[in-house]
Amino acid sequence: MSEKKKMFSDSRWNDTSKPKIIGYRDITEEEEEKYSKMAQEFLRKKGVIKKDK
């Protein structure tokens, strides 16, 4: 790397375009509840949230 060139000066590091949304789909309330419970169980196993009393 040349000493004159600044770090992170390449255009790929300074891209200001908006992100593209890919793979979006609506989910039902039942699915949302199911995934929420799965996430809470996982976080309890890892000790991130306390277990219910």
PDB file of N, CA and C in Angstrom:
ATOM      1  N   MET A   1       0.854  -1.179   0.000  1.00  0.00           N
ATOM      2  CA  MET A   1       0.000   0.000   0.000  1.00  0.00           C
ATOM      3  C   MET A   1       0.890   1.230   0.000  1.00  0.00           C
ATOM      4  N   SER A   2       0.541   2.180  -0.790  1.00  0.00           N
ATOM      5  CA  SER A   2       1.354   3.397  -0.849  1.00  0.00           C
ATOM      6  C   SER A   2       1.100   4.256   0.386  1.00  0.00           C
ATOM      7  N   GLU A   3       2.102   4.963   0.790  1.00  0.00           N
ATOM      8  CA  GLU A   3       1.986   5.792   1.998  1.00  0.00           C
ATOM      9  C   GLU A   3       1.135   7.034   1.767  1.00  0.00           C
ATOM     10  N   LYS A   4       1.003   7.467   0.513  1.00  0.00           N
ATOM     11  CA  LYS A   4       0.234   8.668   0.207  1.00  0.00           C
ATOM     12  C   LYS A   4      -1.270   8.424   0.250  1.00  0.00           C
ATOM     13  N   LYS A   5      -1.682   7.201  -0.005  1.00  0.00           N
ATOM     14  CA  LYS A   5      -3.105   6.887  -0.073  1.00  0.00           C
ATOM     15  C   LYS A   5      -3.681   6.692   1.330  1.00  0.00           C
ATOM     16  N   LYS A   6      -4.817   7.309   1.599  1.00  0.00           N
ATOM     17  CA  LYS A   6      -5.472   7.174   2.904  1.00  0.00           C
ATOM     18  C   LYS A   6      -6.154   5.818   3.005  1.00  0.00           C
ATOM     19  N   MET A   7      -6.279   5.335   4.225  1.00  0.00           N
ATOM     20  CA  MET A   7      -6.993   4.082   4.448  1.00  0.00           C
ATOM     21  C   MET A   7      -8.479   4.276   4.189  1.00  0.00           C
ATOM     22  N   PHE A   8      -9.131   3.248   3.691  1.00  0.00           N
ATOM     23  CA  PHE A   8     -10.567   3.236   3.419  1.00  0.00           C
ATOM     24  C   PHE A   8     -10.993   4.330   2.429  1.00  0.00           C
ATOM     25  N   SER A   9     -10.143   4.651   1.488  1.00  0.00           N
ATOM     26  CA  SER A   9     -10.483   5.682   0.518  1.00  0.00           C
ATOM     27  C   SER A   9     -11.138   5.096  -0.733  1.00  0.00           C
ATOM     28  N   ASP A  10     -11.142   3.785  -0.874  1.00  0.00           N
ATOM     29  CA  ASP A  10     -11.763   3.146  -2.028  1.00  0.00           C
ATOM     30  C   ASP A  10     -13.278   3.349  -1.971  1.00  0.00           C
ATOM     31  N   SER A  11     -13.923   3.376  -3.137  1.00  0.00           N
ATOM     32  CA  SER A  11     -15.368   3.655  -3.192  1.00  0.00           C
ATOM     33  C   SER A  11     -16.201   2.594  -2.476  1.00  0.00           C
ATOM     34  N   ARG A  12     -15.716   1.358  -2.391  1.00  0.00           N
ATOM     35  CA  ARG A  12     -16.510   0.318  -1.724  1.00  0.00           C
ATOM     36  C   ARG A  12     -16.685   0.588  -0.238  1.00  0.00           C
ATOM     37  N   TRP A  13     -15.796   1.334   0.380  1.00  0.00           N
ATOM     38  CA  TRP A  13     -15.903   1.658   1.804  1.00  0.00           C
ATOM     39  C   TRP A  13     -16.774   2.880   2.038  1.00  0.00           C
ATOM     40  N   ASN A  14     -17.033   3.639   1.003  1.00  0.00           N
ATOM     41  CA  ASN A  14     -17.775   4.891   1.144  1.00  0.00           C
ATOM     42  C   ASN A  14     -19.055   4.896   0.314  1.00  0.00           C
ATOM     43  N   ASP A  15     -19.655   3.746   0.132  1.00  0.00           N
ATOM     44  CA  ASP A  15     -20.876   3.607  -0.646  1.00  0.00           C
ATOM     45  C   ASP A  15     -22.049   4.184   0.148  1.00  0.00           C
ATOM     46  N   THR A  16     -22.749   5.152  -0.411  1.00  0.00           N
ATOM     47  CA  THR A  16     -23.867   5.792   0.293  1.00  0.00           C
ATOM     48  C   THR A  16     -25.214   5.448  -0.331  1.00  0.00           C
ATOM     49  N   SER A  17     -25.254   4.427  -1.196  1.00  0.00           N
ATOM     50  CA  SER A  17     -26.527   4.059  -1.809  1.00  0.00           C
ATOM     51  C   SER A  17     -27.428   3.381  -0.774  1.00  0.00           C
ATOM     52  N   LYS A  18     -28.727   3.424  -1.040  1.00  0.00           N
ATOM     53  CA  LYS A  18     -29.694   2.818  -0.120  1.00  0.00           C
ATOM     54  C   LYS A  18     -29.583   1.298  -0.205  1.00  0.00           C
ATOM     55  N   PRO A  19     -29.783   0.605   0.923  1.00  0.00           N
ATOM     56  CA  PRO A  19     -29.748  -0.864   0.886  1.00  0.00           C
ATOM     57  C   PRO A  19     -30.966  -1.421   0.155  1.00  0.00           C
ATOM     58  N   LYS A  20     -30.788  -2.585  -0.456  1.00  0.00           N
ATOM     59  CA  LYS A  20     -31.889  -3.244  -1.150  1.00  0.00           C
ATOM     60  C   LYS A  20     -32.508  -4.280  -0.214  1.00  0.00           C
ATOM     61  N   ILE A  21     -33.826  -4.343  -0.185  1.00  0.00           N
ATOM     62  CA  ILE A  21     -34.536  -5.326   0.630  1.00  0.00           C
ATOM     63  C   ILE A  21     -34.777  -6.545  -0.245  1.00  0.00           C
ATOM     64  N   ILE A  22     -34.290  -7.694   0.235  1.00  0.00           N
ATOM     65  CA  ILE A  22     -34.497  -8.927  -0.514  1.00  0.00           C
ATOM     66  C   ILE A  22     -35.127  -9.961   0.407  1.00  0.00           C
ATOM     67  N   GLY A  23     -35.955 -10.815  -0.124  1.00  0.00           N
ATOM     68  CA  GLY A  23     -36.531 -11.899   0.650  1.00  0.00           C
ATOM     69  C   GLY A  23     -37.590 -11.489   1.654  1.00  0.00           C
ATOM     70  N   TYR A  24     -38.248 -10.370   1.451  1.00  0.00           N
ATOM     71  CA  TYR A  24     -39.278  -9.919   2.384  1.00  0.00           C
ATOM     72  C   TYR A  24     -40.579 -10.659   2.115  1.00  0.00           C
ATOM     73  N   ARG A  25     -41.240 -11.070   3.189  1.00  0.00           N
ATOM     74  CA  ARG A  25     -42.588 -11.620   3.071  1.00  0.00           C
ATOM     75  C   ARG A  25     -43.336 -11.333   4.361  1.00  0.00           C
ATOM     76  N   ASP A  26     -44.653 -11.184   4.234  1.00  0.00           N
ATOM     77  CA  ASP A  26     -45.490 -10.966   5.415  1.00  0.00           C
ATOM     78  C   ASP A  26     -45.631 -12.286   6.166  1.00  0.00           C
ATOM     79  N   ILE A  27     -45.686 -12.206   7.502  1.00  0.00           N
ATOM     80  CA  ILE A  27     -45.917 -13.404   8.303  1.00  0.00           C
ATOM     81  C   ILE A  27     -47.193 -13.213   9.106  1.00  0.00           C
ATOM     82  N   THR A  28     -47.833 -14.324   9.424  1.00  0.00           N
ATOM     83  CA  THR A  28     -49.083 -14.263  10.174  1.00  0.00           C
ATOM     84  C   THR A  28     -48.775 -14.009  11.653  1.00  0.00           C
ATOM     85  N   GLU A  29     -49.804 -13.654  12.399  1.00  0.00           N
ATOM     86  CA  GLU A  29     -49.633 -13.415  13.832  1.00  0.00           C
ATOM     87  C   GLU A  29     -49.189 -14.686  14.545  1.00  0.00           C
ATOM     88  N   GLU A  30     -49.701 -15.839  14.076  1.00  0.00           N
ATOM     89  CA  GLU A  30     -49.315 -17.111  14.679  1.00  0.00           C
ATOM     90  C   GLU A  30     -47.827 -17.394  14.475  1.00  0.00           C
ATOM     91  N   GLU A  31     -47.348 -17.136  13.256  1.00  0.00           N
ATOM     92  CA  GLU A  31     -45.927 -17.336  12.978  1.00  0.00           C
ATOM     93  C   GLU A  31     -45.065 -16.391  13.814  1.00  0.00           C
ATOM     94  N   GLU A  32     -45.501 -15.139  13.909  1.00  0.00           N
ATOM     95  CA  GLU A  32     -44.760 -14.155  14.692  1.00  0.00           C
ATOM     96  C   GLU A  32     -44.661 -14.586  16.154  1.00  0.00           C
ATOM     97  N   GLU A  33     -45.766 -15.079  16.712  1.00  0.00           N
ATOM     98  CA  GLU A  33     -45.777 -15.543  18.092  1.00  0.00           C
ATOM     99  C   GLU A  33     -44.861 -16.760  18.261  1.00  0.00           C
ATOM    100  N   LYS A  34     -44.915 -17.680  17.301  1.00  0.00           N
ATOM    101  CA  LYS A  34     -44.080 -18.884  17.332  1.00  0.00           C
ATOM    102  C   LYS A  34     -42.593 -18.508  17.339  1.00  0.00           C
ATOM    103  N   TYR A  35     -42.199 -17.616  16.434  1.00  0.00           N
ATOM    104  CA  TYR A  35     -40.789 -17.221  16.337  1.00  0.00           C
ATOM    105  C   TYR A  35     -40.345 -16.428  17.558  1.00  0.00           C
ATOM    106  N   SER A  36     -41.252 -15.642  18.124  1.00  0.00           N
ATOM    107  CA  SER A  36     -40.934 -14.894  19.331  1.00  0.00           C
ATOM    108  C   SER A  36     -40.655 -15.842  20.495  1.00  0.00           C
ATOM    109  N   LYS A  37     -41.499 -16.877  20.626  1.00  0.00           N
ATOM    110  CA  LYS A  37     -41.300 -17.868  21.692  1.00  0.00           C
ATOM    111  C   LYS A  37     -39.988 -18.621  21.494  1.00  0.00           C
ATOM    112  N   MET A  38     -39.683 -18.968  20.237  1.00  0.00           N
ATOM    113  CA  MET A  38     -38.435 -19.676  19.948  1.00  0.00           C
ATOM    114  C   MET A  38     -37.228 -18.812  20.328  1.00  0.00           C
ATOM    115  N   ALA A  39     -37.293 -17.536  20.006  1.00  0.00           N
ATOM    116  CA  ALA A  39     -36.197 -16.628  20.325  1.00  0.00           C
ATOM    117  C   ALA A  39     -36.036 -16.478  21.838  1.00  0.00           C
ATOM    118  N   GLN A  40     -37.155 -16.370  22.558  1.00  0.00           N
ATOM    119  CA  GLN A  40     -37.098 -16.239  24.010  1.00  0.00           C
ATOM    120  C   GLN A  40     -36.523 -17.494  24.650  1.00  0.00           C
ATOM    121  N   GLU A  41     -36.896 -18.670  24.155  1.00  0.00           N
ATOM    122  CA  GLU A  41     -36.341 -19.917  24.677  1.00  0.00           C
ATOM    123  C   GLU A  41     -34.828 -19.965  24.474  1.00  0.00           C
ATOM    124  N   PHE A  42     -34.400 -19.578  23.295  1.00  0.00           N
ATOM    125  CA  PHE A  42     -32.973 -19.578  22.990  1.00  0.00           C
ATOM    126  C   PHE A  42     -32.216 -18.620  23.920  1.00  0.00           C
ATOM    127  N   LEU A  43     -32.771 -17.428  24.116  1.00  0.00           N
ATOM    128  CA  LEU A  43     -32.113 -16.441  24.978  1.00  0.00           C
ATOM    129  C   LEU A  43     -32.091 -16.901  26.430  1.00  0.00           C
ATOM    130  N   ARG A  44     -33.114 -17.616  26.867  1.00  0.00           N
ATOM    131  CA  ARG A  44     -33.119 -18.168  28.226  1.00  0.00           C
ATOM    132  C   ARG A  44     -32.025 -19.223  28.381  1.00  0.00           C
ATOM    133  N   LYS A  45     -31.890 -20.101  27.362  1.00  0.00           N
ATOM    134  CA  LYS A  45     -30.852 -21.138  27.406  1.00  0.00           C
ATOM    135  C   LYS A  45     -29.459 -20.519  27.506  1.00  0.00           C
ATOM    136  N   LYS A  46     -29.259 -19.417  26.813  1.00  0.00           N
ATOM    137  CA  LYS A  46     -27.952 -18.752  26.793  1.00  0.00           C
ATOM    138  C   LYS A  46     -27.747 -17.853  28.016  1.00  0.00           C
ATOM    139  N   GLY A  47     -28.788 -17.648  28.816  1.00  0.00           N
ATOM    140  CA  GLY A  47     -28.676 -16.830  30.019  1.00  0.00           C
ATOM    141  C   GLY A  47     -28.794 -15.351  29.783  1.00  0.00           C
ATOM    142  N   VAL A  48     -29.285 -14.969  28.618  1.00  0.00           N
ATOM    143  CA  VAL A  48     -29.424 -13.543  28.305  1.00  0.00           C
ATOM    144  C   VAL A  48     -30.619 -12.959  29.048  1.00  0.00           C
ATOM    145  N   ILE A  49     -31.715 -13.724  29.114  1.00  0.00           N
ATOM    146  CA  ILE A  49     -32.875 -13.285  29.881  1.00  0.00           C
ATOM    147  C   ILE A  49     -33.120 -14.310  30.988  1.00  0.00           C
ATOM    148  N   LYS A  50     -33.697 -13.842  32.082  1.00  0.00           N
ATOM    149  CA  LYS A  50     -33.928 -14.707  33.233  1.00  0.00           C
ATOM    150  C   LYS A  50     -35.090 -15.654  32.972  1.00  0.00           C
ATOM    151  N   LYS A  51     -35.035 -16.805  33.612  1.00  0.00           N
ATOM    152  CA  LYS A  51     -36.116 -17.779  33.464  1.00  0.00           C
ATOM    153  C   LYS A  51     -37.343 -17.287  34.220  1.00  0.00           C
ATOM    154  N   ASP A  52     -38.518 -17.698  33.723  1.00  0.00           N
ATOM    155  CA  ASP A  52     -39.771 -17.339  34.406  1.00  0.00           C
ATOM    156  C   ASP A  52     -39.841 -18.023  35.752  1.00  0.00           C
ATOM    157  N   LYS A  53     -40.455 -17.346  36.715  1.00  0.00           N
ATOM    158  CA  LYS A  53     -40.564 -17.925  38.076  1.00  0.00           C
ATOM    159  C   LYS A  53     -41.831 -18.708  38.208  1.00  0.00           C
TER     160      LYS A  53
END
